[in-house]
C-alpha atoms as a PDB file:
ATOM      1  CA  MET A   1      -6.239  24.419  -9.304  1.00  0.00           C
ATOM      2  CA  PHE A   2      -6.815  26.258 -12.380  1.00  0.00           C
ATOM      3  CA  ASN A   3      -8.014  23.210 -14.786  1.00  0.00           C
ATOM      4  CA  TYR A   4     -10.159  22.426 -11.811  1.00  0.00           C
ATOM      5  CA  ASN A   5     -11.830  25.585 -12.019  1.00  0.00           C
ATOM      6  CA  PHE A   6     -11.991  25.689 -15.465  1.00  0.00           C
ATOM      7  CA  GLN A   7     -14.057  22.466 -16.062  1.00  0.00           C
ATOM      8  CA  TYR A   8     -15.713  23.119 -13.282  1.00  0.00           C
ATOM      9  CA  LEU A   9     -17.000  26.011 -14.972  1.00  0.00           C
ATOM     10  CA  TRP A  10     -17.807  24.314 -17.854  1.00  0.00           C
ATOM     11  CA  LYS A  11     -19.971  21.889 -16.631  1.00  0.00           C
ATOM     12  CA  ARG A  12     -22.215  24.863 -14.711  1.00  0.00           C
ATOM     13  CA  LEU A  13     -22.665  26.674 -17.766  1.00  0.00           C
ATOM     14  CA  PHE A  14     -23.360  23.419 -19.654  1.00  0.00           C
ATOM     15  CA  PHE A  15     -25.849  22.303 -17.235  1.00  0.00           C
ATOM     16  CA  LEU A  16     -27.267  25.245 -17.526  1.00  0.00           C
ATOM     17  CA  TYR A  17     -27.457  25.787 -21.403  1.00  0.00           C
ATOM     18  CA  LEU A  18     -29.489  22.209 -21.084  1.00  0.00           C
ATOM     19  CA  ILE A  19     -32.380  23.848 -18.645  1.00  0.00           C
ATOM     20  CA  ILE A  20     -32.405  26.945 -21.192  1.00  0.00           C
ATOM     21  CA  PHE A  21     -32.888  25.068 -23.966  1.00  0.00           C
ATOM     22  CA  HIS A  22     -35.341  22.268 -22.249  1.00  0.00           C
ATOM     23  CA  PHE A  23     -37.327  25.239 -21.957  1.00  0.00           C
ATOM     24  CA  ILE A  24     -37.465  26.974 -24.677  1.00  0.00           C
ATOM     25  CA  TYR A  25     -38.293  23.702 -26.446  1.00  0.00           C
ATOM     26  CA  CYS A  26     -41.261  22.932 -24.164  1.00  0.00           C
ATOM     27  CA  GLU A  27     -42.630  27.102 -24.252  1.00  0.00           C
ATOM     28  CA  SER A  28     -41.669  26.722 -27.842  1.00  0.00           C
ATOM     29  CA  GLY A  29     -42.877  22.250 -29.274  1.00  0.00           C
ATOM     30  CA  LEU A  30     -45.492  20.828 -27.723  1.00  0.00           C
ATOM     31  CA  ASN A  31     -46.576  22.609 -24.753  1.00  0.00           C
ATOM     32  CA  ASN A  32     -46.707  26.205 -27.679  1.00  0.00           C
ATOM     33  CA  LYS A  33     -50.086  27.764 -25.375  1.00  0.00           C
ATOM     34  CA  GLN A  34     -49.541  30.951 -28.416  1.00  0.00           C
ATOM     35  CA  ASN A  35     -51.406  30.169 -31.347  1.00  0.00           C
ATOM     36  CA  THR A  36     -54.142  27.444 -30.660  1.00  0.00           C
ATOM     37  CA  LEU A  37     -57.199  26.550 -32.719  1.00  0.00           C
ATOM     38  CA  PHE A  38     -59.606  27.956 -30.020  1.00  0.00           C
ATOM     39  CA  GLU A  39     -60.388  28.442 -26.982  1.00  0.00           C
ATOM     40  CA  TYR A  40     -62.372  26.301 -24.732  1.00  0.00           C
ATOM     41  CA  SER A  41     -65.190  26.460 -22.185  1.00  0.00           C
ATOM     42  CA  LEU A  42     -66.980  23.710 -20.123  1.00  0.00           C
ATOM     43  CA  LYS A  43     -69.975  23.325 -21.093  1.00  0.00           C
ATOM     44  CA  GLU A  44     -71.049  20.031 -18.773  1.00  0.00           C
ATOM     45  CA  ILE A  45     -70.072  16.188 -17.756  1.00  0.00           C
ATOM     46  CA  ILE A  46     -71.744  13.185 -18.548  1.00  0.00           C
ATOM     47  CA  GLU A  47     -71.166   9.506 -17.726  1.00  0.00           C
ATOM     48  CA  VAL A  48     -71.431   6.906 -20.022  1.00  0.00           C
ATOM     49  CA  ASP A  49     -70.340   3.323 -20.765  1.00  0.00           C
ATOM     50  CA  GLY A  50     -67.356   2.514 -22.287  1.00  0.00           C
ATOM     51  CA  ARG A  51     -63.900   3.397 -22.645  1.00  0.00           C
ATOM     52  CA  GLN A  52     -62.854   4.060 -25.660  1.00  0.00           C
ATOM     53  CA  GLY A  53     -63.942   6.152 -28.604  1.00  0.00           C
ATOM     54  CA  ILE A  54     -66.653   8.767 -29.240  1.00  0.00           C
ATOM     55  CA  ALA A  55     -68.653  10.178 -32.029  1.00  0.00           C
ATOM     56  CA  THR A  56     -71.778  12.073 -32.606  1.00  0.00           C
ATOM     57  CA  ASP A  57     -74.008  13.374 -35.380  1.00  0.00           C
ATOM     58  CA  GLY A  58     -75.648  16.351 -33.082  1.00  0.00           C
ATOM     59  CA  GLN A  59     -78.490  14.499 -32.469  1.00  0.00           C
ATOM     60  CA  TYR A  60     -76.840  11.241 -30.309  1.00  0.00           C
ATOM     61  CA  TYR A  61     -73.426  10.183 -29.295  1.00  0.00           C
ATOM     62  CA  VAL A  62     -72.215   6.851 -30.008  1.00  0.00           C
ATOM     63  CA  VAL A  63     -69.695   5.179 -27.399  1.00  0.00           C
ATOM     64  CA  SER A  64     -67.192   2.334 -28.001  1.00  0.00           C
ATOM     65  CA  GLY A  65     -66.253   0.372 -25.240  1.00  0.00           C
ATOM     66  CA  SER A  66     -63.196  -1.844 -25.858  1.00  0.00           C
ATOM     67  CA  LYS A  67     -65.208  -4.920 -27.161  1.00  0.00           C
ATOM     68  CA  GLU A  68     -68.877  -2.730 -26.501  1.00  0.00           C
ATOM     69  CA  LEU A  69     -70.807  -0.182 -28.755  1.00  0.00           C
ATOM     70  CA  TYR A  70     -73.620   2.414 -27.377  1.00  0.00           C
ATOM     71  CA  LEU A  71     -76.252   4.737 -28.440  1.00  0.00           C
ATOM     72  CA  TYR A  72     -77.076   7.650 -26.409  1.00  0.00           C
ATOM     73  CA  THR A  73     -79.403  10.637 -26.849  1.00  0.00           C
ATOM     74  CA  ILE A  74     -77.056  14.018 -26.886  1.00  0.00           C
ATOM     75  CA  LYS A  75     -77.783  14.342 -22.831  1.00  0.00           C
ATOM     76  CA  GLY A  76     -76.534  11.230 -21.882  1.00  0.00           C
ATOM     77  CA  LYS A  77     -79.621   8.529 -21.838  1.00  0.00           C
ATOM     78  CA  LEU A  78     -78.826   4.834 -23.010  1.00  0.00           C
ATOM     79  CA  LEU A  79     -80.789   3.496 -25.661  1.00  0.00           C
ATOM     80  CA  LYS A  80     -78.913   0.989 -27.377  1.00  0.00           C
ATOM     81  CA  ARG A  81     -75.693  -1.330 -26.936  1.00  0.00           C
ATOM     82  CA  ASN A  82     -73.971  -3.728 -29.528  1.00  0.00           C
ATOM     83  CA  SER A  83     -71.823  -6.298 -27.517  1.00  0.00           C
ATOM     84  CA  THR A  84     -70.953  -8.360 -29.664  1.00  0.00           C
ATOM     85  CA  PRO A  85     -69.432  -6.417 -32.644  1.00  0.00           C
ATOM     86  CA  PHE A  86     -67.393  -8.315 -33.579  1.00  0.00           C
ATOM     87  CA  LYS A  87     -69.160 -11.078 -34.198  1.00  0.00           C
ATOM     88  CA  LYS A  88     -69.315 -10.974 -37.944  1.00  0.00           C
ATOM     89  CA  LEU A  89     -65.825 -10.616 -38.652  1.00  0.00           C
ATOM     90  CA  SER A  90     -63.970 -12.848 -40.569  1.00  0.00           C
ATOM     91  CA  VAL A  91     -60.550 -12.547 -39.004  1.00  0.00           C
ATOM     92  CA  LYS A  92     -60.148 -12.615 -34.739  1.00  0.00           C
ATOM     93  CA  ALA A  93     -60.749  -9.013 -32.975  1.00  0.00           C
ATOM     94  CA  ASN A  94     -61.115  -8.078 -29.466  1.00  0.00           C
ATOM     95  CA  HIS A  95     -60.484  -3.921 -29.730  1.00  0.00           C
ATOM     96  CA  LEU A  96     -62.444  -0.660 -30.552  1.00  0.00           C
ATOM     97  CA  GLY A  97     -60.974   2.820 -30.504  1.00  0.00           C
ATOM     98  CA  ASP A  98     -61.672   5.529 -31.159  1.00  0.00           C
ATOM     99  CA  ILE A  99     -65.063   6.356 -33.788  1.00  0.00           C
ATOM    100  CA  ALA A 100     -66.234   8.185 -36.268  1.00  0.00           C
ATOM    101  CA  ILE A 101     -69.704   8.863 -37.753  1.00  0.00           C
ATOM    102  CA  TYR A 102     -70.306  10.074 -41.440  1.00  0.00           C
ATOM    103  CA  LYS A 103     -73.586   9.865 -43.265  1.00  0.00           C
ATOM    104  CA  ASP A 104     -75.307   7.442 -40.753  1.00  0.00           C
ATOM    105  CA  GLU A 105     -72.876   5.587 -40.243  1.00  0.00           C
ATOM    106  CA  ILE A 106     -69.990   4.688 -37.393  1.00  0.00           C
ATOM    107  CA  PHE A 107     -66.993   4.510 -38.647  1.00  0.00           C
ATOM    108  CA  THR A 108     -64.214   2.321 -35.978  1.00  0.00           C
ATOM    109  CA  GLY A 109     -61.030   1.287 -35.730  1.00  0.00           C
ATOM    110  CA  VAL A 110     -60.473  -2.351 -35.301  1.00  0.00           C
ATOM    111  CA  GLU A 111     -58.225  -4.733 -34.156  1.00  0.00           C
ATOM    112  CA  ASN A 112     -56.707  -7.927 -32.342  1.00  0.00           C
ATOM    113  CA  PHE A 113     -54.519  -6.383 -29.609  1.00  0.00           C
ATOM    114  CA  VAL A 114     -52.125  -9.049 -28.336  1.00  0.00           C
ATOM    115  CA  ASN A 115     -48.427  -8.421 -26.827  1.00  0.00           C
ATOM    116  CA  GLY A 116     -48.177  -4.786 -26.933  1.00  0.00           C
ATOM    117  CA  ARG A 117     -49.636  -3.901 -30.701  1.00  0.00           C
ATOM    118  CA  GLY A 118     -52.305  -4.740 -33.093  1.00  0.00           C
ATOM    119  CA  GLU A 119     -53.320  -7.518 -35.634  1.00  0.00           C
ATOM    120  CA  ASN A 120     -56.443  -8.190 -38.344  1.00  0.00           C
ATOM    121  CA  ILE A 121     -56.267  -3.896 -38.212  1.00  0.00           C
ATOM    122  CA  GLN A 122     -59.429  -3.285 -39.945  1.00  0.00           C
ATOM    123  CA  ILE A 123     -61.762  -0.215 -40.752  1.00  0.00           C
ATOM    124  CA  VAL A 124     -65.141  -1.766 -39.341  1.00  0.00           C
ATOM    125  CA  ILE A 125     -68.436   0.491 -40.596  1.00  0.00           C
ATOM    126  CA  TYR A 126     -71.737  -0.565 -38.773  1.00  0.00           C
ATOM    127  CA  ASN A 127     -75.105   1.705 -38.971  1.00  0.00           C
ATOM    128  CA  LEU A 128     -75.751   4.152 -36.557  1.00  0.00           C
ATOM    129  CA  ASP A 129     -79.815   3.384 -35.825  1.00  0.00           C
ATOM    130  CA  ASP A 130     -78.811   0.485 -34.295  1.00  0.00           C
ATOM    131  CA  LEU A 131     -75.113  -0.377 -33.778  1.00  0.00           C
ATOM    132  CA  LYS A 132     -75.482  -3.567 -36.420  1.00  0.00           C
ATOM    133  CA  TYR A 133     -72.189  -4.186 -38.128  1.00  0.00           C
ATOM    134  CA  LYS A 134     -72.729  -3.284 -42.015  1.00  0.00           C
ATOM    135  CA  ARG A 135     -69.040  -3.802 -43.588  1.00  0.00           C
ATOM    136  CA  SER A 136     -65.234  -4.039 -43.108  1.00  0.00           C
ATOM    137  CA  ILE A 137     -62.201  -2.151 -44.725  1.00  0.00           C
ATOM    138  CA  PRO A 138     -58.830  -4.259 -44.031  1.00  0.00           C
ATOM    139  CA  TRP A 139     -55.993  -2.611 -43.363  1.00  0.00           C
ATOM    140  CA  ASP A 140     -52.611  -2.362 -45.346  1.00  0.00           C
ATOM    141  CA  PRO A 141     -49.461  -4.307 -44.186  1.00  0.00           C
ATOM    142  CA  SER A 142     -47.377  -2.042 -46.066  1.00  0.00           C
ATOM    143  CA  SER A 143     -48.247   0.925 -44.164  1.00  0.00           C
ATOM    144  CA  GLY A 144     -46.477  -0.330 -41.325  1.00  0.00           C
ATOM    145  CA  GLN A 145     -48.995   0.459 -39.049  1.00  0.00           C
ATOM    146  CA  VAL A 146     -48.686  -1.518 -36.032  1.00  0.00           C
ATOM    147  CA  GLU A 147     -51.481  -0.412 -34.367  1.00  0.00           C
ATOM    148  CA  VAL A 148     -55.276   1.339 -34.561  1.00  0.00           C
ATOM    149  CA  CYS A 149     -56.061   3.625 -31.804  1.00  0.00           C
ATOM    150  CA  GLY A 150     -58.671   5.724 -33.671  1.00  0.00           C
ATOM    151  CA  ILE A 151     -60.607   6.594 -36.634  1.00  0.00           C
ATOM    152  CA  ALA A 152     -61.751  10.048 -38.512  1.00  0.00           C
ATOM    153  CA  VAL A 153     -63.577  10.922 -41.593  1.00  0.00           C
ATOM    154  CA  ASP A 154     -62.232  13.617 -43.714  1.00  0.00           C
ATOM    155  CA  GLU A 155     -65.372  14.483 -45.747  1.00  0.00           C
ATOM    156  CA  LYS A 156     -63.516  17.503 -47.086  1.00  0.00           C
ATOM    157  CA  ARG A 157     -61.154  15.519 -48.515  1.00  0.00           C
ATOM    158  CA  ASN A 158     -62.588  12.251 -49.045  1.00  0.00           C
ATOM    159  CA  LEU A 159     -60.304  10.468 -46.771  1.00  0.00           C
ATOM    160  CA  ILE A 160     -60.228   8.219 -43.771  1.00  0.00           C
ATOM    161  CA  TRP A 161     -57.332   8.398 -41.226  1.00  0.00           C
ATOM    162  CA  LEU A 162     -56.204   5.899 -38.686  1.00  0.00           C
ATOM    163  CA  ALA A 163     -53.933   6.679 -35.764  1.00  0.00           C
ATOM    164  CA  ASP A 164     -51.437   4.324 -34.085  1.00  0.00           C
ATOM    165  CA  TRP A 165     -51.148   4.224 -30.415  1.00  0.00           C
ATOM    166  CA  VAL A 166     -47.869   2.375 -30.374  1.00  0.00           C
ATOM    167  CA  ASN A 167     -46.060   4.174 -32.728  1.00  0.00           C
ATOM    168  CA  GLY A 168     -47.289   7.949 -33.246  1.00  0.00           C
ATOM    169  CA  GLN A 169     -45.081   9.094 -35.897  1.00  0.00           C
ATOM    170  CA  TYR A 170     -47.268   8.329 -38.454  1.00  0.00           C
ATOM    171  CA  LEU A 171     -50.924   9.300 -39.392  1.00  0.00           C
ATOM    172  CA  TYR A 172     -52.125   6.502 -42.073  1.00  0.00           C
ATOM    173  CA  ARG A 173     -54.732   7.824 -45.085  1.00  0.00           C
ATOM    174  CA  TYR A 174     -57.314   5.624 -46.815  1.00  0.00           C
ATOM    175  CA  GLY A 175     -60.038   6.269 -49.470  1.00  0.00           C
ATOM    176  CA  LEU A 176     -63.134   7.555 -48.076  1.00  0.00           C
ATOM    177  CA  LYS A 177     -65.112   5.965 -51.705  1.00  0.00           C
ATOM    178  CA  THR A 178     -62.848   3.173 -52.367  1.00  0.00           C
ATOM    179  CA  GLY A 179     -61.017   2.200 -48.995  1.00  0.00           C
ATOM    180  CA  LYS A 180     -57.636   2.107 -50.539  1.00  0.00           C
ATOM    181  CA  TYR A 181     -54.854   2.756 -49.507  1.00  0.00           C
ATOM    182  CA  ILE A 182     -53.169   5.886 -49.979  1.00  0.00           C
ATOM    183  CA  GLY A 183     -50.226   6.812 -47.645  1.00  0.00           C
ATOM    184  CA  ARG A 184     -48.825   8.416 -44.516  1.00  0.00           C
ATOM    185  CA  LEU A 185     -49.177  11.475 -42.975  1.00  0.00           C
ATOM    186  CA  MET A 186     -45.365  12.308 -40.785  1.00  0.00           C
ATOM    187  CA  ILE A 187     -46.226  14.428 -37.755  1.00  0.00           C
ATOM    188  CA  ASN A 188     -43.187  15.971 -35.524  1.00  0.00           C
ATOM    189  CA  PRO A 189     -42.653  15.998 -32.889  1.00  0.00           C
ATOM    190  CA  ALA A 190     -45.071  12.640 -32.079  1.00  0.00           C
ATOM    191  CA  PRO A 191     -47.457  12.990 -28.727  1.00  0.00           C
ATOM    192  CA  ASP A 192     -47.344  10.344 -26.349  1.00  0.00           C
ATOM    193  CA  LYS A 193     -49.635   7.266 -26.998  1.00  0.00           C
ATOM    194  CA  ILE A 194     -52.077   9.175 -29.016  1.00  0.00           C
ATOM    195  CA  GLN A 195     -55.811   7.876 -27.933  1.00  0.00           C
ATOM    196  CA  GLY A 196     -58.216  10.084 -30.121  1.00  0.00           C
ATOM    197  CA  ILE A 197     -58.401  11.718 -33.477  1.00  0.00           C
ATOM    198  CA  SER A 198     -60.687  13.954 -35.375  1.00  0.00           C
ATOM    199  CA  VAL A 199     -60.313  16.405 -38.187  1.00  0.00           C
ATOM    200  CA  TYR A 200     -61.691  19.905 -37.687  1.00  0.00           C
ATOM    201  CA  GLY A 201     -61.648  21.819 -40.976  1.00  0.00           C
ATOM    202  CA  ASP A 202     -57.912  21.741 -42.045  1.00  0.00           C
ATOM    203  CA  HIS A 203     -56.363  20.188 -38.574  1.00  0.00           C
ATOM    204  CA  ILE A 204     -56.632  17.014 -37.520  1.00  0.00           C
ATOM    205  CA  LEU A 205     -57.036  16.909 -33.803  1.00  0.00           C
ATOM    206  CA  LEU A 206     -54.862  14.087 -31.571  1.00  0.00           C
ATOM    207  CA  THR A 207     -55.553  13.755 -27.836  1.00  0.00           C
ATOM    208  CA  SER A 208     -52.695  12.113 -25.910  1.00  0.00           C
ATOM    209  CA  ASP A 209     -52.481  10.279 -23.176  1.00  0.00           C
ATOM    210  CA  ASP A 210     -49.256  11.762 -21.953  1.00  0.00           C
ATOM    211  CA  GLY A 211     -50.423  13.323 -18.704  1.00  0.00           C
ATOM    212  CA  ASP A 212     -49.582  11.053 -15.074  1.00  0.00           C
ATOM    213  CA  ALA A 213     -52.537   9.740 -13.074  1.00  0.00           C
ATOM    214  CA  ASP A 214     -50.133   8.849 -10.104  1.00  0.00           C
ATOM    215  CA  LYS A 215     -49.091  12.842  -9.806  1.00  0.00           C
ATOM    216  CA  ASN A 216     -52.420  14.064 -11.186  1.00  0.00           C
ATOM    217  CA  LYS A 217     -51.048  15.393 -14.443  1.00  0.00           C
ATOM    218  CA  HIS A 218     -53.679  15.915 -16.875  1.00  0.00           C
ATOM    219  CA  ASP A 219     -53.300  14.764 -20.265  1.00  0.00           C
ATOM    220  CA  ARG A 220     -53.157  17.182 -23.310  1.00  0.00           C
ATOM    221  CA  LEU A 221     -54.531  17.659 -26.633  1.00  0.00           C
ATOM    222  CA  TYR A 222     -52.365  18.692 -29.891  1.00  0.00           C
ATOM    223  CA  SER A 223     -53.643  19.922 -33.394  1.00  0.00           C
ATOM    224  CA  ILE A 224     -51.232  19.242 -37.127  1.00  0.00           C
ATOM    225  CA  LYS A 225     -52.103  21.267 -40.081  1.00  0.00           C
ATOM    226  CA  ILE A 226     -53.114  18.809 -43.024  1.00  0.00           C
ATOM    227  CA  PRO A 227     -50.768  19.516 -45.997  1.00  0.00           C
ATOM    228  CA  ASN A 228     -52.542  20.392 -48.951  1.00  0.00           C
ATOM    229  CA  SER A 229     -51.069  17.837 -51.134  1.00  0.00           C
ATOM    230  CA  ASN A 230     -46.859  16.811 -50.410  1.00  0.00           C
ATOM    231  CA  TYR A 231     -48.232  14.855 -47.288  1.00  0.00           C
ATOM    232  CA  GLY A 232     -44.376  12.995 -47.786  1.00  0.00           C
ATOM    233  CA  ALA A 233     -43.299  16.358 -46.320  1.00  0.00           C
ATOM    234  CA  GLY A 234     -44.776  16.064 -42.681  1.00  0.00           C
ATOM    235  CA  SER A 235     -46.508  18.305 -40.779  1.00  0.00           C
ATOM    236  CA  ASP A 236     -45.732  20.254 -37.158  1.00  0.00           C
ATOM    237  CA  THR A 237     -47.289  18.901 -34.523  1.00  0.00           C
ATOM    238  CA  LYS A 238     -49.015  22.217 -31.989  1.00  0.00           C
ATOM    239  CA  PHE A 239     -50.112  22.037 -28.372  1.00  0.00           C
ATOM    240  CA  GLU A 240     -53.557  22.900 -28.031  1.00  0.00           C
ATOM    241  CA  LYS A 241     -54.801  22.451 -24.698  1.00  0.00           C
ATOM    242  CA  LEU A 242     -54.211  21.096 -21.494  1.00  0.00           C
ATOM    243  CA  PHE A 243     -57.030  19.122 -19.935  1.00  0.00           C
ATOM    244  CA  ASP A 244     -57.211  20.425 -16.367  1.00  0.00           C
ATOM    245  CA  GLU A 245     -60.941  20.719 -16.059  1.00  0.00           C
ATOM    246  CA  PHE A 246     -61.085  16.612 -15.490  1.00  0.00           C
ATOM    247  CA  VAL A 247     -62.026  15.759 -11.793  1.00  0.00           C
ATOM    248  CA  LYS A 248     -59.127  13.467 -11.422  1.00  0.00           C
ATOM    249  CA  ALA A 249     -56.184  12.800 -13.981  1.00  0.00           C
ATOM    250  CA  GLY A 250     -56.835   9.563 -16.020  1.00  0.00           C
ATOM    251  CA  GLU A 251     -56.824   8.135 -19.446  1.00  0.00           C
ATOM    252  CA  ILE A 252     -57.917  10.380 -21.730  1.00  0.00           C
ATOM    253  CA  GLU A 253     -59.616   8.830 -24.347  1.00  0.00           C
ATOM    254  CA  GLY A 254     -61.560   9.836 -28.250  1.00  0.00           C
ATOM    255  CA  LEU A 255     -62.867  13.334 -29.159  1.00  0.00           C
ATOM    256  CA  CYS A 256     -65.401  14.424 -31.365  1.00  0.00           C
ATOM    257  CA  PHE A 257     -66.545  17.895 -33.081  1.00  0.00           C
ATOM    258  CA  SER A 258     -70.576  18.646 -32.914  1.00  0.00           C
ATOM    259  CA  PRO A 259     -71.394  19.417 -37.158  1.00  0.00           C
ATOM    260  CA  ASN A 260     -71.817  22.915 -36.428  1.00  0.00           C
ATOM    261  CA  GLY A 261     -67.889  22.868 -35.160  1.00  0.00           C
ATOM    262  CA  ARG A 262     -69.087  24.847 -31.804  1.00  0.00           C
ATOM    263  CA  ILE A 263     -68.879  22.064 -29.397  1.00  0.00           C
ATOM    264  CA  LEU A 264     -66.038  19.358 -28.740  1.00  0.00           C
ATOM    265  CA  SER A 265     -66.869  16.155 -26.696  1.00  0.00           C
ATOM    266  CA  VAL A 266     -63.811  14.482 -25.167  1.00  0.00           C
ATOM    267  CA  LEU A 267     -64.366  10.905 -23.428  1.00  0.00           C
ATOM    268  CA  MET A 268     -61.573  10.538 -20.630  1.00  0.00           C
ATOM    269  CA  ASN A 269     -61.423   7.620 -18.010  1.00  0.00           C
ATOM    270  CA  ARG A 270     -60.580   8.007 -14.249  1.00  0.00           C
ATOM    271  CA  GLY A 271     -60.590   5.329 -10.843  1.00  0.00           C
ATOM    272  CA  ARG A 272     -58.267   2.654 -12.420  1.00  0.00           C
ATOM    273  CA  ARG A 273     -54.386   2.410 -12.518  1.00  0.00           C
ATOM    274  CA  ILE A 274     -53.346   1.723 -16.389  1.00  0.00           C
ATOM    275  CA  ASN A 275     -50.298  -0.154 -17.277  1.00  0.00           C
ATOM    276  CA  GLN A 276     -49.374   0.196 -21.097  1.00  0.00           C
ATOM    277  CA  GLY A 277     -52.737   0.263 -22.170  1.00  0.00           C
ATOM    278  CA  ILE A 278     -53.947  -2.655 -19.314  1.00  0.00           C
ATOM    279  CA  PRO A 279     -56.169  -1.565 -16.425  1.00  0.00           C
ATOM    280  CA  GLU A 280     -54.917  -3.167 -13.151  1.00  0.00           C
ATOM    281  CA  GLY A 281     -56.507  -2.191  -9.769  1.00  0.00           C
ATOM    282  CA  PHE A 282     -57.823   0.963  -8.956  1.00  0.00           C
ATOM    283  CA  TYR A 283     -56.935   4.773  -7.741  1.00  0.00           C
ATOM    284  CA  PRO A 284     -57.626   4.817  -3.749  1.00  0.00           C
ATOM    285  CA  GLY A 285     -61.319   5.911  -3.116  1.00  0.00           C
ATOM    286  CA  TYR A 286     -62.232   4.193  -6.599  1.00  0.00           C
ATOM    287  CA  ASN A 287     -63.503   0.750  -6.839  1.00  0.00           C
ATOM    288  CA  ARG A 288     -64.870   1.016 -10.679  1.00  0.00           C
ATOM    289  CA  GLU A 289     -63.500   2.776 -13.554  1.00  0.00           C
ATOM    290  CA  ILE A 290     -65.806   5.978 -14.655  1.00  0.00           C
ATOM    291  CA  HIS A 291     -65.913   7.287 -18.004  1.00  0.00           C
ATOM    292  CA  GLU A 292     -67.170  10.399 -18.770  1.00  0.00           C
ATOM    293  CA  VAL A 293     -67.641  12.796 -21.756  1.00  0.00           C
ATOM    294  CA  TYR A 294     -66.627  16.059 -21.196  1.00  0.00           C
ATOM    295  CA  VAL A 295     -68.218  18.918 -23.048  1.00  0.00           C
ATOM    296  CA  TYR A 296     -66.853  22.290 -24.435  1.00  0.00           C
ATOM    297  CA  ASN A 297     -68.138  25.076 -25.972  1.00  0.00           C
ATOM    298  CA  ILE A 298     -65.433  26.223 -28.356  1.00  0.00           C
ATOM    299  CA  ASN A 299     -64.484  29.559 -29.497  1.00  0.00           C
ATOM    300  CA  LYS A 300     -62.693  30.963 -32.455  1.00  0.00           C
END
């Protein structure tokens, strides 16, 4: 009887320890709401076409669909679209991810996404004024990157950053001027299903499709401090925001900051069921997927 009670007590204490450990981890790790970079207040919601990425130069929005580019005014009026963005590429491609604008050019991450990973990964640049193809930079297979979900231009460090939806453990750096692969940055812990990437000062911000639309659990935003030099040492990931302002939990996508750093814009999709990145049917009450830009004022 004594041995039975002791084993039972030990199991209960161990179970209690696991609960406490999980609580401490969730509160101090990816879900730590303290020491966030900013406070955010929702300003407006703009419906757009395109379900992948967003960028702004302060006057225009560019939105990427999986196979399209759209140019909007900052108020959401459609001006132009490019329905054949892969036409002049020398390799097969079928997917655009999150995007960035730098000096009147649109930087995109392009790939041929098949069997759960990307092939023919490219950094493809388009003109901002007409959305036409300009040039391409191939990815370096030695980097180990297997998918490109988004791209960010880091003007301060003359870098291009690429993120990976399949394996978010690393972010990949290319020279902004040279286009050469430089190395990768390990991030810990890695957010689940990274969708968008943007650089703000000395930080990289990432949107993560880590919610559960079936349970109306919303997605999150994370921040990473960019190391001064020793990228190999890695960088810690910190929770930044829960997007509980979304009308319905869905699939978060790209993000961007205004040039003055006072506005954050986030693209999200709702209404369609997504299974491992592939749209499959609709949620009750929807007969189409809705793409919306959530615009936030930033308070430091």
